[in-house]
N, C-alpha and C. Protein backbone atom coordinates (compact mmCIF):
# COMPACT_ATOMS: atom_id res chain seq x y z
N LEU A 1 -6.35 12.40 -3.26
CA LEU A 1 -6.21 11.79 -1.95
C LEU A 1 -5.43 12.69 -1.01
N THR A 2 -4.41 13.35 -1.51
CA THR A 2 -3.60 14.22 -0.66
C THR A 2 -4.44 15.34 -0.07
N ARG A 3 -5.27 15.97 -0.88
CA ARG A 3 -6.13 17.06 -0.38
C ARG A 3 -7.15 16.55 0.63
N ILE A 4 -7.72 15.39 0.36
CA ILE A 4 -8.70 14.81 1.28
C ILE A 4 -8.04 14.49 2.61
N ALA A 5 -6.85 13.87 2.56
CA ALA A 5 -6.15 13.51 3.79
C ALA A 5 -5.78 14.74 4.60
N LYS A 6 -5.35 15.80 3.93
CA LYS A 6 -5.00 17.02 4.65
C LYS A 6 -6.23 17.66 5.29
N LYS A 7 -7.34 17.64 4.57
CA LYS A 7 -8.55 18.30 5.06
C LYS A 7 -9.26 17.50 6.15
N TYR A 8 -9.34 16.17 6.00
CA TYR A 8 -10.15 15.35 6.89
C TYR A 8 -9.36 14.34 7.73
N GLY A 9 -8.07 14.20 7.49
CA GLY A 9 -7.28 13.17 8.13
C GLY A 9 -7.25 13.20 9.64
N LYS A 10 -7.45 14.35 10.22
CA LYS A 10 -7.47 14.44 11.68
C LYS A 10 -8.81 14.02 12.26
N ASP A 11 -9.85 14.01 11.44
CA ASP A 11 -11.20 13.69 11.90
C ASP A 11 -11.63 12.26 11.58
N ILE A 12 -11.10 11.71 10.50
CA ILE A 12 -11.50 10.37 10.05
C ILE A 12 -10.28 9.57 9.61
N LYS A 13 -10.45 8.27 9.51
CA LYS A 13 -9.41 7.41 8.94
C LYS A 13 -9.52 7.49 7.43
N VAL A 14 -8.43 7.80 6.77
CA VAL A 14 -8.41 7.88 5.31
C VAL A 14 -7.88 6.56 4.78
N MET A 15 -8.70 5.89 3.96
CA MET A 15 -8.33 4.60 3.38
C MET A 15 -8.45 4.68 1.86
N MET A 16 -7.65 3.89 1.18
CA MET A 16 -7.65 3.88 -0.28
C MET A 16 -8.11 2.52 -0.77
N ASP A 17 -9.03 2.52 -1.71
CA ASP A 17 -9.52 1.30 -2.33
C ASP A 17 -9.62 1.57 -3.82
N SER A 18 -9.40 0.56 -4.60
CA SER A 18 -9.53 0.61 -6.06
C SER A 18 -8.19 0.89 -6.72
N GLY A 19 -7.77 -0.06 -7.50
CA GLY A 19 -6.56 0.11 -8.29
C GLY A 19 -5.27 -0.19 -7.56
N ILE A 20 -5.33 -0.67 -6.34
CA ILE A 20 -4.12 -0.98 -5.57
C ILE A 20 -3.79 -2.44 -5.84
N ARG A 21 -2.68 -2.67 -6.55
CA ARG A 21 -2.35 -4.05 -6.92
C ARG A 21 -0.90 -4.43 -6.69
N SER A 22 -0.07 -3.48 -6.21
CA SER A 22 1.35 -3.78 -6.05
C SER A 22 1.95 -2.97 -4.90
N GLY A 23 3.18 -3.33 -4.54
CA GLY A 23 3.89 -2.59 -3.50
C GLY A 23 4.05 -1.11 -3.83
N PRO A 24 4.43 -0.75 -5.06
CA PRO A 24 4.50 0.66 -5.40
C PRO A 24 3.15 1.38 -5.29
N ASP A 25 2.06 0.69 -5.59
CA ASP A 25 0.73 1.28 -5.41
C ASP A 25 0.46 1.56 -3.93
N ILE A 26 0.86 0.63 -3.08
CA ILE A 26 0.70 0.83 -1.64
C ILE A 26 1.52 2.04 -1.20
N ALA A 27 2.76 2.12 -1.65
CA ALA A 27 3.64 3.25 -1.29
C ALA A 27 3.04 4.57 -1.73
N ARG A 28 2.52 4.64 -2.94
CA ARG A 28 1.91 5.89 -3.43
C ARG A 28 0.70 6.28 -2.58
N SER A 29 -0.11 5.30 -2.23
CA SER A 29 -1.31 5.59 -1.42
C SER A 29 -0.92 6.10 -0.03
N LEU A 30 0.02 5.42 0.60
CA LEU A 30 0.45 5.84 1.93
C LEU A 30 1.14 7.20 1.89
N ALA A 31 1.92 7.44 0.85
CA ALA A 31 2.60 8.73 0.71
C ALA A 31 1.61 9.86 0.47
N SER A 32 0.47 9.53 -0.11
CA SER A 32 -0.56 10.54 -0.40
C SER A 32 -1.49 10.80 0.77
N GLY A 33 -1.31 10.07 1.86
CA GLY A 33 -2.10 10.34 3.05
C GLY A 33 -3.03 9.23 3.52
N ALA A 34 -3.11 8.14 2.78
CA ALA A 34 -3.95 7.03 3.23
C ALA A 34 -3.30 6.36 4.44
N GLU A 35 -4.12 5.92 5.37
CA GLU A 35 -3.62 5.19 6.52
C GLU A 35 -3.70 3.69 6.29
N PHE A 36 -4.45 3.30 5.26
CA PHE A 36 -4.72 1.89 5.00
C PHE A 36 -5.08 1.74 3.54
N THR A 37 -4.72 0.61 2.94
CA THR A 37 -5.15 0.32 1.57
C THR A 37 -5.85 -1.03 1.54
N PHE A 38 -6.89 -1.12 0.74
CA PHE A 38 -7.59 -2.38 0.52
C PHE A 38 -6.98 -3.06 -0.70
N MET A 39 -6.88 -4.37 -0.67
CA MET A 39 -6.20 -5.09 -1.74
C MET A 39 -6.93 -6.38 -2.14
N GLY A 40 -8.21 -6.39 -2.19
CA GLY A 40 -8.97 -7.61 -2.44
C GLY A 40 -8.61 -8.34 -3.71
N ARG A 41 -8.48 -7.63 -4.80
CA ARG A 41 -8.25 -8.29 -6.09
C ARG A 41 -6.94 -9.06 -6.12
N SER A 42 -5.89 -8.47 -5.58
CA SER A 42 -4.59 -9.15 -5.58
C SER A 42 -4.65 -10.48 -4.84
N PHE A 43 -5.35 -10.49 -3.71
CA PHE A 43 -5.47 -11.72 -2.94
C PHE A 43 -6.35 -12.74 -3.65
N MET A 44 -7.36 -12.28 -4.35
CA MET A 44 -8.21 -13.20 -5.10
C MET A 44 -7.41 -13.87 -6.22
N TYR A 45 -6.53 -13.10 -6.87
CA TYR A 45 -5.67 -13.70 -7.90
C TYR A 45 -4.76 -14.75 -7.28
N GLY A 46 -4.17 -14.43 -6.13
CA GLY A 46 -3.27 -15.37 -5.47
C GLY A 46 -3.98 -16.66 -5.07
N VAL A 47 -5.15 -16.53 -4.48
CA VAL A 47 -5.91 -17.71 -4.06
C VAL A 47 -6.38 -18.50 -5.28
N SER A 48 -6.76 -17.81 -6.33
CA SER A 48 -7.19 -18.51 -7.56
C SER A 48 -6.06 -19.32 -8.16
N ALA A 49 -4.85 -18.79 -8.08
CA ALA A 49 -3.71 -19.47 -8.69
C ALA A 49 -3.12 -20.56 -7.79
N LEU A 50 -3.09 -20.31 -6.47
CA LEU A 50 -2.35 -21.22 -5.58
C LEU A 50 -3.19 -21.83 -4.46
N GLY A 51 -4.48 -21.60 -4.48
CA GLY A 51 -5.32 -22.16 -3.43
C GLY A 51 -5.01 -21.53 -2.08
N LYS A 52 -4.98 -22.36 -1.03
CA LYS A 52 -4.79 -21.86 0.33
C LYS A 52 -3.46 -21.11 0.50
N ARG A 53 -2.44 -21.49 -0.24
CA ARG A 53 -1.13 -20.83 -0.14
C ARG A 53 -1.12 -19.46 -0.82
N GLY A 54 -2.11 -19.19 -1.65
CA GLY A 54 -2.12 -17.98 -2.44
C GLY A 54 -2.14 -16.68 -1.64
N GLY A 55 -2.90 -16.65 -0.56
CA GLY A 55 -2.95 -15.44 0.27
C GLY A 55 -1.61 -15.12 0.90
N ASP A 56 -0.96 -16.15 1.45
CA ASP A 56 0.37 -15.96 2.05
C ASP A 56 1.39 -15.54 1.00
N HIS A 57 1.32 -16.16 -0.17
CA HIS A 57 2.25 -15.81 -1.25
C HIS A 57 2.04 -14.36 -1.69
N THR A 58 0.80 -13.95 -1.80
CA THR A 58 0.49 -12.58 -2.22
C THR A 58 1.03 -11.57 -1.22
N ILE A 59 0.79 -11.79 0.06
CA ILE A 59 1.28 -10.83 1.06
C ILE A 59 2.79 -10.79 1.07
N SER A 60 3.43 -11.92 0.84
CA SER A 60 4.90 -11.96 0.78
C SER A 60 5.42 -11.11 -0.38
N LEU A 61 4.78 -11.25 -1.54
CA LEU A 61 5.19 -10.45 -2.70
C LEU A 61 4.99 -8.96 -2.45
N LEU A 62 3.85 -8.60 -1.88
CA LEU A 62 3.55 -7.19 -1.62
C LEU A 62 4.51 -6.60 -0.60
N GLN A 63 4.84 -7.37 0.43
CA GLN A 63 5.79 -6.89 1.43
C GLN A 63 7.16 -6.65 0.81
N THR A 64 7.59 -7.58 -0.03
CA THR A 64 8.89 -7.44 -0.70
C THR A 64 8.89 -6.21 -1.60
N GLN A 65 7.84 -6.03 -2.38
CA GLN A 65 7.77 -4.88 -3.28
C GLN A 65 7.77 -3.56 -2.50
N LEU A 66 6.99 -3.48 -1.44
CA LEU A 66 6.95 -2.25 -0.64
C LEU A 66 8.31 -2.00 0.00
N GLN A 67 8.95 -3.03 0.51
CA GLN A 67 10.28 -2.88 1.11
C GLN A 67 11.29 -2.38 0.07
N GLN A 68 11.21 -2.90 -1.15
CA GLN A 68 12.12 -2.47 -2.21
C GLN A 68 11.92 -0.99 -2.55
N VAL A 69 10.67 -0.55 -2.64
CA VAL A 69 10.39 0.86 -2.90
C VAL A 69 10.97 1.72 -1.79
N MET A 70 10.74 1.31 -0.55
CA MET A 70 11.23 2.09 0.58
C MET A 70 12.76 2.15 0.58
N GLU A 71 13.43 1.05 0.28
CA GLU A 71 14.88 1.03 0.22
C GLU A 71 15.40 1.92 -0.90
N GLN A 72 14.76 1.89 -2.04
CA GLN A 72 15.19 2.73 -3.17
C GLN A 72 15.04 4.22 -2.86
N LEU A 73 14.04 4.55 -2.05
CA LEU A 73 13.81 5.95 -1.69
C LEU A 73 14.58 6.38 -0.45
N GLY A 74 15.17 5.44 0.25
CA GLY A 74 15.90 5.76 1.47
C GLY A 74 14.99 5.93 2.68
N CYS A 75 13.82 5.32 2.66
CA CYS A 75 12.89 5.40 3.78
C CYS A 75 13.17 4.28 4.76
N THR A 76 13.24 4.61 6.04
CA THR A 76 13.43 3.57 7.05
C THR A 76 12.11 3.14 7.68
N LYS A 77 11.07 3.97 7.54
CA LYS A 77 9.75 3.62 8.05
C LYS A 77 8.69 4.17 7.10
N VAL A 78 7.51 3.58 7.15
CA VAL A 78 6.42 3.95 6.25
C VAL A 78 6.07 5.43 6.37
N SER A 79 6.16 5.95 7.56
CA SER A 79 5.80 7.37 7.76
C SER A 79 6.76 8.32 7.04
N ASP A 80 7.90 7.82 6.56
CA ASP A 80 8.84 8.64 5.79
C ASP A 80 8.41 8.81 4.33
N LEU A 81 7.52 7.96 3.86
CA LEU A 81 7.14 7.97 2.45
C LEU A 81 6.68 9.34 1.93
N PRO A 82 5.83 10.06 2.64
CA PRO A 82 5.39 11.36 2.11
C PRO A 82 6.56 12.33 1.86
N ASN A 83 7.62 12.21 2.64
CA ASN A 83 8.77 13.11 2.48
C ASN A 83 9.63 12.75 1.28
N HIS A 84 9.52 11.53 0.79
CA HIS A 84 10.38 11.08 -0.29
C HIS A 84 9.68 10.82 -1.61
N LEU A 85 8.38 10.55 -1.54
CA LEU A 85 7.69 10.13 -2.75
C LEU A 85 6.82 11.22 -3.36
N ILE A 86 6.30 12.10 -2.56
CA ILE A 86 5.41 13.15 -3.08
C ILE A 86 6.16 14.46 -3.12
């Protein structure tokens, strides 16, 4: 992903799909050059378990996990991730 983002990132939007299931996965994808991550499976699990509340619960968990990763790395904004994680 890092090589693709460096080569094509100025010409196209680089997005990551497949295998993204947690806040640390989001952090790794963004640090590697993705501008966006798809997270369908995580939301399907949340909705399956909690019905209508599941989507909101899932996004809350993912936000908390991503915030924790950023705090542990000393990042104040998402754009700092490449400097601290890769």
